[in-house]
Full PDB file with SEQRES, HELIX, SHEET, SSBOND, CRYST1, ORIGX, SCALE, CONECT and MASTER records, all heavy atoms in Angstrom:
SEQRES   1 A   31  ARG ARG ILE MET PHE LEU ILE VAL ASP SER GLY ARG GLY          
SEQRES   2 A   31  PRO SER GLY ASN TRP GLY GLN GLU LEU PRO GLY PRO THR          
SEQRES   3 A   31  GLY VAL ASP LEU VAL                                          
HELIX    1 AA1 TRP A   18  GLN A   20  5                                   3    
HELIX    2 AA2 GLY A   27  LEU A   30  1                                   4    
CRYST1    1.000    1.000    1.000  90.00  90.00  90.00 P 1           1          
ORIGX1      1.000000  0.000000  0.000000        0.00000                         
ORIGX2      0.000000  1.000000  0.000000        0.00000                         
ORIGX3      0.000000  0.000000  1.000000        0.00000                         
SCALE1      1.000000  0.000000  0.000000        0.00000                         
SCALE2      0.000000  1.000000  0.000000        0.00000                         
SCALE3      0.000000  0.000000  1.000000        0.00000                         
ATOM      1  N   ARG A   1     277.305 141.837  92.482  1.00  0.00           N  
ATOM      2  CA  ARG A   1     277.773 140.448  92.446  1.00  0.00           C  
ATOM      3  C   ARG A   1     278.502 140.130  91.147  1.00  0.00           C  
ATOM      4  O   ARG A   1     279.458 139.378  91.147  1.00  0.00           O  
ATOM      5  CB  ARG A   1     276.588 139.485  92.603  1.00  0.00           C  
ATOM      6  CG  ARG A   1     275.889 139.556  93.948  1.00  0.00           C  
ATOM      7  CD  ARG A   1     274.708 138.594  94.002  1.00  0.00           C  
ATOM      8  NE  ARG A   1     275.120 137.224  93.728  1.00  0.00           N  
ATOM      9  CZ  ARG A   1     274.795 136.537  92.617  1.00  0.00           C  
ATOM     10  NH1 ARG A   1     274.061 137.115  91.674  1.00  0.00           N  
ATOM     11  NH2 ARG A   1     275.190 135.298  92.454  1.00  0.00           N  
ATOM     12  N   ARG A   2     278.033 140.674  90.045  1.00  0.00           N  
ATOM     13  CA  ARG A   2     278.621 140.360  88.752  1.00  0.00           C  
ATOM     14  C   ARG A   2     278.840 141.643  87.963  1.00  0.00           C  
ATOM     15  O   ARG A   2     277.926 142.467  87.844  1.00  0.00           O  
ATOM     16  CB  ARG A   2     277.709 139.423  87.946  1.00  0.00           C  
ATOM     17  CG  ARG A   2     277.463 138.067  88.596  1.00  0.00           C  
ATOM     18  CD  ARG A   2     278.730 137.213  88.588  1.00  0.00           C  
ATOM     19  NE  ARG A   2     278.495 135.899  89.175  1.00  0.00           N  
ATOM     20  CZ  ARG A   2     278.657 135.637  90.477  1.00  0.00           C  
ATOM     21  NH1 ARG A   2     279.031 136.606  91.311  1.00  0.00           N  
ATOM     22  NH2 ARG A   2     278.457 134.420  90.945  1.00  0.00           N  
ATOM     23  N   ILE A   3     280.049 141.794  87.423  1.00  0.00           N  
ATOM     24  CA  ILE A   3     280.388 142.946  86.585  1.00  0.00           C  
ATOM     25  C   ILE A   3     280.955 142.421  85.273  1.00  0.00           C  
ATOM     26  O   ILE A   3     281.862 141.587  85.271  1.00  0.00           O  
ATOM     27  CB  ILE A   3     281.417 143.867  87.264  1.00  0.00           C  
ATOM     28  CG1 ILE A   3     280.871 144.394  88.589  1.00  0.00           C  
ATOM     29  CG2 ILE A   3     281.796 145.027  86.343  1.00  0.00           C  
ATOM     30  CD1 ILE A   3     281.883 145.211  89.372  1.00  0.00           C  
ATOM     31  N   MET A   4     280.413 142.906  84.169  1.00  0.00           N  
ATOM     32  CA  MET A   4     280.871 142.483  82.853  1.00  0.00           C  
ATOM     33  C   MET A   4     281.361 143.683  82.062  1.00  0.00           C  
ATOM     34  O   MET A   4     280.638 144.665  81.897  1.00  0.00           O  
ATOM     35  CB  MET A   4     279.735 141.817  82.071  1.00  0.00           C  
ATOM     36  CG  MET A   4     280.121 141.326  80.682  1.00  0.00           C  
ATOM     37  SD  MET A   4     281.071 139.804  80.767  1.00  0.00           S  
ATOM     38  CE  MET A   4     281.596 139.624  79.058  1.00  0.00           C  
ATOM     39  N   PHE A   5     282.606 143.638  81.604  1.00  0.00           N  
ATOM     40  CA  PHE A   5     283.141 144.612  80.655  1.00  0.00           C  
ATOM     41  C   PHE A   5     283.361 143.870  79.340  1.00  0.00           C  
ATOM     42  O   PHE A   5     284.214 142.986  79.246  1.00  0.00           O  
ATOM     43  CB  PHE A   5     284.455 145.211  81.139  1.00  0.00           C  
ATOM     44  CG  PHE A   5     284.294 146.360  82.082  1.00  0.00           C  
ATOM     45  CD1 PHE A   5     284.209 146.142  83.436  1.00  0.00           C  
ATOM     46  CD2 PHE A   5     284.212 147.657  81.607  1.00  0.00           C  
ATOM     47  CE1 PHE A   5     284.049 147.195  84.321  1.00  0.00           C  
ATOM     48  CE2 PHE A   5     284.053 148.723  82.480  1.00  0.00           C  
ATOM     49  CZ  PHE A   5     283.971 148.495  83.835  1.00  0.00           C  
ATOM     50  N   LEU A   6     282.588 144.229  78.344  1.00  0.00           N  
ATOM     51  CA  LEU A   6     282.685 143.581  77.045  1.00  0.00           C  
ATOM     52  C   LEU A   6     283.281 144.578  76.054  1.00  0.00           C  
ATOM     53  O   LEU A   6     282.665 145.605  75.756  1.00  0.00           O  
ATOM     54  CB  LEU A   6     281.304 143.120  76.583  1.00  0.00           C  
ATOM     55  CG  LEU A   6     281.239 142.145  75.418  1.00  0.00           C  
ATOM     56  CD1 LEU A   6     281.945 140.843  75.768  1.00  0.00           C  
ATOM     57  CD2 LEU A   6     279.793 141.860  75.045  1.00  0.00           C  
ATOM     58  N   ILE A   7     284.475 144.283  75.578  1.00  0.00           N  
ATOM     59  CA  ILE A   7     285.175 145.172  74.650  1.00  0.00           C  
ATOM     60  C   ILE A   7     285.007 144.619  73.244  1.00  0.00           C  
ATOM     61  O   ILE A   7     285.427 143.486  72.962  1.00  0.00           O  
ATOM     62  CB  ILE A   7     286.667 145.302  75.015  1.00  0.00           C  
ATOM     63  CG1 ILE A   7     286.814 145.979  76.379  1.00  0.00           C  
ATOM     64  CG2 ILE A   7     287.407 146.099  73.962  1.00  0.00           C  
ATOM     65  CD1 ILE A   7     287.045 145.030  77.513  1.00  0.00           C  
ATOM     66  N   VAL A   8     284.386 145.384  72.378  1.00  0.00           N  
ATOM     67  CA  VAL A   8     284.107 144.952  71.009  1.00  0.00           C  
ATOM     68  C   VAL A   8     285.195 145.527  70.103  1.00  0.00           C  
ATOM     69  O   VAL A   8     285.256 146.733  69.859  1.00  0.00           O  
ATOM     70  CB  VAL A   8     282.713 145.421  70.558  1.00  0.00           C  
ATOM     71  CG1 VAL A   8     282.383 144.842  69.182  1.00  0.00           C  
ATOM     72  CG2 VAL A   8     281.649 144.993  71.572  1.00  0.00           C  
ATOM     73  N   ASP A   9     286.053 144.643  69.616  1.00  0.00           N  
ATOM     74  CA  ASP A   9     287.257 145.036  68.885  1.00  0.00           C  
ATOM     75  C   ASP A   9     287.057 144.826  67.387  1.00  0.00           C  
ATOM     76  O   ASP A   9     286.984 143.700  66.909  1.00  0.00           O  
ATOM     77  CB  ASP A   9     288.446 144.203  69.387  1.00  0.00           C  
ATOM     78  CG  ASP A   9     289.745 144.532  68.676  1.00  0.00           C  
ATOM     79  OD1 ASP A   9     289.775 145.516  67.913  1.00  0.00           O  
ATOM     80  OD2 ASP A   9     290.738 143.797  68.891  1.00  0.00           O  
ATOM     81  N   SER A  10     286.992 145.927  66.650  1.00  0.00           N  
ATOM     82  CA  SER A  10     286.866 145.860  65.186  1.00  0.00           C  
ATOM     83  C   SER A  10     288.111 146.412  64.523  1.00  0.00           C  
ATOM     84  O   SER A  10     288.061 146.924  63.398  1.00  0.00           O  
ATOM     85  CB  SER A  10     285.635 146.653  64.722  1.00  0.00           C  
ATOM     86  OG  SER A  10     284.488 146.290  65.447  1.00  0.00           O  
ATOM     87  N   GLY A  11     289.231 146.340  65.220  1.00  0.00           N  
ATOM     88  CA  GLY A  11     290.471 146.917  64.728  1.00  0.00           C  
ATOM     89  C   GLY A  11     290.985 146.254  63.471  1.00  0.00           C  
ATOM     90  O   GLY A  11     290.571 145.157  63.089  1.00  0.00           O  
ATOM     91  N   ARG A  12     291.918 146.941  62.839  1.00  0.00           N  
ATOM     92  CA  ARG A  12     292.478 146.477  61.570  1.00  0.00           C  
ATOM     93  C   ARG A  12     293.512 145.380  61.784  1.00  0.00           C  
ATOM     94  O   ARG A  12     294.394 145.507  62.625  1.00  0.00           O  
ATOM     95  CB  ARG A  12     293.157 147.643  60.843  1.00  0.00           C  
ATOM     96  CG  ARG A  12     292.214 148.655  60.297  1.00  0.00           C  
ATOM     97  CD  ARG A  12     292.902 149.982  60.049  1.00  0.00           C  
ATOM     98  NE  ARG A  12     294.174 149.843  59.356  1.00  0.00           N  
ATOM     99  CZ  ARG A  12     294.323 149.777  58.033  1.00  0.00           C  
ATOM    100  NH1 ARG A  12     293.257 149.799  57.273  1.00  0.00           N  
ATOM    101  NH2 ARG A  12     295.511 149.706  57.481  1.00  0.00           N  
ATOM    102  N   GLY A  13     293.407 144.319  61.021  1.00  0.00           N  
ATOM    103  CA  GLY A  13     294.427 143.288  61.020  1.00  0.00           C  
ATOM    104  C   GLY A  13     295.540 143.644  60.043  1.00  0.00           C  
ATOM    105  O   GLY A  13     295.454 144.633  59.305  1.00  0.00           O  
ATOM    106  N   PRO A  14     296.608 142.850  60.008  1.00  0.00           N  
ATOM    107  CA  PRO A  14     297.691 143.100  59.042  1.00  0.00           C  
ATOM    108  C   PRO A  14     297.153 143.066  57.624  1.00  0.00           C  
ATOM    109  O   PRO A  14     296.239 142.299  57.294  1.00  0.00           O  
ATOM    110  CB  PRO A  14     298.658 141.939  59.307  1.00  0.00           C  
ATOM    111  CG  PRO A  14     298.369 141.489  60.697  1.00  0.00           C  
ATOM    112  CD  PRO A  14     296.895 141.704  60.883  1.00  0.00           C  
ATOM    113  N   SER A  15     297.720 143.900  56.753  1.00  0.00           N  
ATOM    114  CA  SER A  15     297.269 143.956  55.361  1.00  0.00           C  
ATOM    115  C   SER A  15     298.471 144.048  54.440  1.00  0.00           C  
ATOM    116  O   SER A  15     299.577 144.437  54.851  1.00  0.00           O  
ATOM    117  CB  SER A  15     296.340 145.160  55.145  1.00  0.00           C  
ATOM    118  OG  SER A  15     297.022 146.368  55.438  1.00  0.00           O  
ATOM    119  N   GLY A  16     298.259 143.690  53.163  1.00  0.00           N  
ATOM    120  CA  GLY A  16     299.332 143.730  52.187  1.00  0.00           C  
ATOM    121  C   GLY A  16     300.150 142.447  52.193  1.00  0.00           C  
ATOM    122  O   GLY A  16     300.043 141.619  53.096  1.00  0.00           O  
ATOM    123  N   ASN A  17     300.977 142.297  51.163  1.00  0.00           N  
ATOM    124  CA  ASN A  17     301.797 141.093  51.056  1.00  0.00           C  
ATOM    125  C   ASN A  17     303.280 141.381  51.166  1.00  0.00           C  
ATOM    126  O   ASN A  17     304.108 140.522  50.888  1.00  0.00           O  
ATOM    127  CB  ASN A  17     301.504 140.370  49.728  1.00  0.00           C  
ATOM    128  CG  ASN A  17     301.847 141.234  48.518  1.00  0.00           C  
ATOM    129  OD1 ASN A  17     302.239 142.399  48.656  1.00  0.00           O  
ATOM    130  ND2 ASN A  17     301.698 140.672  47.333  1.00  0.00           N  
ATOM    131  N   TRP A  18     303.630 142.612  51.576  1.00  0.00           N  
ATOM    132  CA  TRP A  18     305.052 142.953  51.618  1.00  0.00           C  
ATOM    133  C   TRP A  18     305.795 142.208  52.721  1.00  0.00           C  
ATOM    134  O   TRP A  18     307.029 142.156  52.717  1.00  0.00           O  
ATOM    135  CB  TRP A  18     305.247 144.470  51.751  1.00  0.00           C  
ATOM    136  CG  TRP A  18     304.419 145.150  52.805  1.00  0.00           C  
ATOM    137  CD1 TRP A  18     303.204 145.742  52.634  1.00  0.00           C  
ATOM    138  CD2 TRP A  18     304.728 145.312  54.185  1.00  0.00           C  
ATOM    139  NE1 TRP A  18     302.738 146.270  53.814  1.00  0.00           N  
ATOM    140  CE2 TRP A  18     303.665 146.025  54.790  1.00  0.00           C  
ATOM    141  CE3 TRP A  18     305.811 144.952  54.974  1.00  0.00           C  
ATOM    142  CZ2 TRP A  18     303.650 146.360  56.140  1.00  0.00           C  
ATOM    143  CZ3 TRP A  18     305.812 145.277  56.314  1.00  0.00           C  
ATOM    144  CH2 TRP A  18     304.733 145.968  56.894  1.00  0.00           C  
ATOM    145  N   GLY A  19     305.053 141.600  53.650  1.00  0.00           N  
ATOM    146  CA  GLY A  19     305.712 140.790  54.659  1.00  0.00           C  
ATOM    147  C   GLY A  19     306.226 139.472  54.111  1.00  0.00           C  
ATOM    148  O   GLY A  19     306.999 138.774  54.771  1.00  0.00           O  
ATOM    149  N   GLN A  20     305.783 139.106  52.880  1.00  0.00           N  
ATOM    150  CA  GLN A  20     306.208 137.863  52.253  1.00  0.00           C  
ATOM    151  C   GLN A  20     307.261 138.086  51.179  1.00  0.00           C  
ATOM    152  O   GLN A  20     307.705 137.132  50.539  1.00  0.00           O  
ATOM    153  CB  GLN A  20     304.992 137.157  51.622  1.00  0.00           C  
ATOM    154  CG  GLN A  20     303.834 136.921  52.567  1.00  0.00           C  
ATOM    155  CD  GLN A  20     304.207 136.010  53.717  1.00  0.00           C  
ATOM    156  OE1 GLN A  20     305.029 135.103  53.551  1.00  0.00           O  
ATOM    157  NE2 GLN A  20     303.627 136.247  54.889  1.00  0.00           N  
ATOM    158  N   GLU A  21     307.651 139.314  50.963  1.00  0.00           N  
ATOM    159  CA  GLU A  21     308.593 139.643  49.893  1.00  0.00           C  
ATOM    160  C   GLU A  21     309.729 140.487  50.433  1.00  0.00           C  
ATOM    161  O   GLU A  21     309.589 141.174  51.461  1.00  0.00           O  
ATOM    162  CB  GLU A  21     307.873 140.423  48.783  1.00  0.00           C  
ATOM    163  CG  GLU A  21     306.677 139.690  48.191  1.00  0.00           C  
ATOM    164  CD  GLU A  21     305.868 140.575  47.260  1.00  0.00           C  
ATOM    165  OE1 GLU A  21     306.139 141.802  47.236  1.00  0.00           O  
ATOM    166  OE2 GLU A  21     304.969 140.050  46.573  1.00  0.00           O  
ATOM    167  N   LEU A  22     310.857 140.453  49.756  1.00  0.00           N  
ATOM    168  CA  LEU A  22     311.996 141.262  50.183  1.00  0.00           C  
ATOM    169  C   LEU A  22     311.737 142.758  50.007  1.00  0.00           C  
ATOM    170  O   LEU A  22     312.003 143.543  50.914  1.00  0.00           O  
ATOM    171  CB  LEU A  22     313.262 140.840  49.420  1.00  0.00           C  
ATOM    172  CG  LEU A  22     314.538 141.615  49.782  1.00  0.00           C  
ATOM    173  CD1 LEU A  22     314.865 141.434  51.263  1.00  0.00           C  
ATOM    174  CD2 LEU A  22     315.700 141.146  48.916  1.00  0.00           C  
ATOM    175  N   PRO A  23     311.202 143.214  48.872  1.00  0.00           N  
ATOM    176  CA  PRO A  23     310.905 144.648  48.739  1.00  0.00           C  
ATOM    177  C   PRO A  23     309.738 145.063  49.629  1.00  0.00           C  
ATOM    178  O   PRO A  23     308.907 144.243  50.033  1.00  0.00           O  
ATOM    179  CB  PRO A  23     310.532 144.790  47.256  1.00  0.00           C  
ATOM    180  CG  PRO A  23     311.003 143.556  46.593  1.00  0.00           C  
ATOM    181  CD  PRO A  23     310.946 142.481  47.619  1.00  0.00           C  
ATOM    182  N   GLY A  24     309.663 146.348  49.873  1.00  0.00           N  
ATOM    183  CA  GLY A  24     308.525 146.899  50.609  1.00  0.00           C  
ATOM    184  C   GLY A  24     308.801 146.991  52.099  1.00  0.00           C  
ATOM    185  O   GLY A  24     309.770 146.419  52.587  1.00  0.00           O  
ATOM    186  N   PRO A  25     307.952 147.698  52.809  1.00  0.00           N  
ATOM    187  CA  PRO A  25     306.735 148.344  52.299  1.00  0.00           C  
ATOM    188  C   PRO A  25     307.031 149.606  51.511  1.00  0.00           C  
ATOM    189  O   PRO A  25     308.087 150.225  51.684  1.00  0.00           O  
ATOM    190  CB  PRO A  25     305.975 148.680  53.582  1.00  0.00           C  
ATOM    191  CG  PRO A  25     307.047 148.863  54.612  1.00  0.00           C  
ATOM    192  CD  PRO A  25     308.118 147.876  54.258  1.00  0.00           C  
ATOM    193  N   THR A  26     306.095 149.994  50.662  1.00  0.00           N  
ATOM    194  CA  THR A  26     306.211 151.252  49.940  1.00  0.00           C  
ATOM    195  C   THR A  26     306.015 152.411  50.917  1.00  0.00           C  
ATOM    196  O   THR A  26     305.656 152.209  52.086  1.00  0.00           O  
ATOM    197  CB  THR A  26     305.153 151.336  48.834  1.00  0.00           C  
ATOM    198  OG1 THR A  26     303.852 151.353  49.459  1.00  0.00           O  
ATOM    199  CG2 THR A  26     305.230 150.146  47.899  1.00  0.00           C  
ATOM    200  N   GLY A  27     306.212 153.613  50.422  1.00  0.00           N  
ATOM    201  CA  GLY A  27     306.053 154.770  51.294  1.00  0.00           C  
ATOM    202  C   GLY A  27     304.673 154.865  51.891  1.00  0.00           C  
ATOM    203  O   GLY A  27     304.497 155.130  53.086  1.00  0.00           O  
ATOM    204  N   VAL A  28     303.623 154.618  51.073  1.00  0.00           N  
ATOM    205  CA  VAL A  28     302.254 154.683  51.565  1.00  0.00           C  
ATOM    206  C   VAL A  28     302.020 153.594  52.609  1.00  0.00           C  
ATOM    207  O   VAL A  28     301.457 153.837  53.678  1.00  0.00           O  
ATOM    208  CB  VAL A  28     301.249 154.538  50.396  1.00  0.00           C  
ATOM    209  CG1 VAL A  28     299.831 154.414  50.930  1.00  0.00           C  
ATOM    210  CG2 VAL A  28     301.357 155.727  49.457  1.00  0.00           C  
ATOM    211  N   ASP A  29     302.451 152.363  52.286  1.00  0.00           N  
ATOM    212  CA  ASP A  29     302.288 151.262  53.242  1.00  0.00           C  
ATOM    213  C   ASP A  29     303.043 151.535  54.530  1.00  0.00           C  
ATOM    214  O   ASP A  29     302.588 151.164  55.621  1.00  0.00           O  
ATOM    215  CB  ASP A  29     302.775 149.950  52.630  1.00  0.00           C  
ATOM    216  CG  ASP A  29     301.822 149.400  51.584  1.00  0.00           C  
ATOM    217  OD1 ASP A  29     300.624 149.700  51.680  1.00  0.00           O  
ATOM    218  OD2 ASP A  29     302.286 148.671  50.680  1.00  0.00           O  
ATOM    219  N   LEU A  30     304.199 152.179  54.402  1.00  0.00           N  
ATOM    220  CA  LEU A  30     305.009 152.455  55.582  1.00  0.00           C  
ATOM    221  C   LEU A  30     304.314 153.441  56.510  1.00  0.00           C  
ATOM    222  O   LEU A  30     304.307 153.268  57.739  1.00  0.00           O  
ATOM    223  CB  LEU A  30     306.375 153.007  55.163  1.00  0.00           C  
ATOM    224  CG  LEU A  30     307.422 153.185  56.266  1.00  0.00           C  
ATOM    225  CD1 LEU A  30     307.735 151.840  56.910  1.00  0.00           C  
ATOM    226  CD2 LEU A  30     308.682 153.804  55.694  1.00  0.00           C  
ATOM    227  N   VAL A  31     303.698 154.475  55.925  1.00  0.00           N  
ATOM    228  CA  VAL A  31     302.961 155.440  56.733  1.00  0.00           C  
ATOM    229  C   VAL A  31     301.824 154.745  57.480  1.00  0.00           C  
ATOM    230  O   VAL A  31     301.632 154.921  58.691  1.00  0.00           O  
ATOM    231  CB  VAL A  31     302.408 156.585  55.855  1.00  0.00           C  
ATOM    232  CG1 VAL A  31     301.446 157.448  56.652  1.00  0.00           C  
ATOM    233  CG2 VAL A  31     303.555 157.436  55.308  1.00  0.00           C  
TER     234      VAL A  31                                                      
MASTER        0    0    0    2    0    0    0    6  233    1    0    3          
END                                                                             
């Protein structure tokens, strides 16, 4: 009668501030 699929998402959100600046991302951030 009832089926529940509960997906627990602990994924990474956006990080760093290069989205707010003209330079970047650096090579490490780009990878």
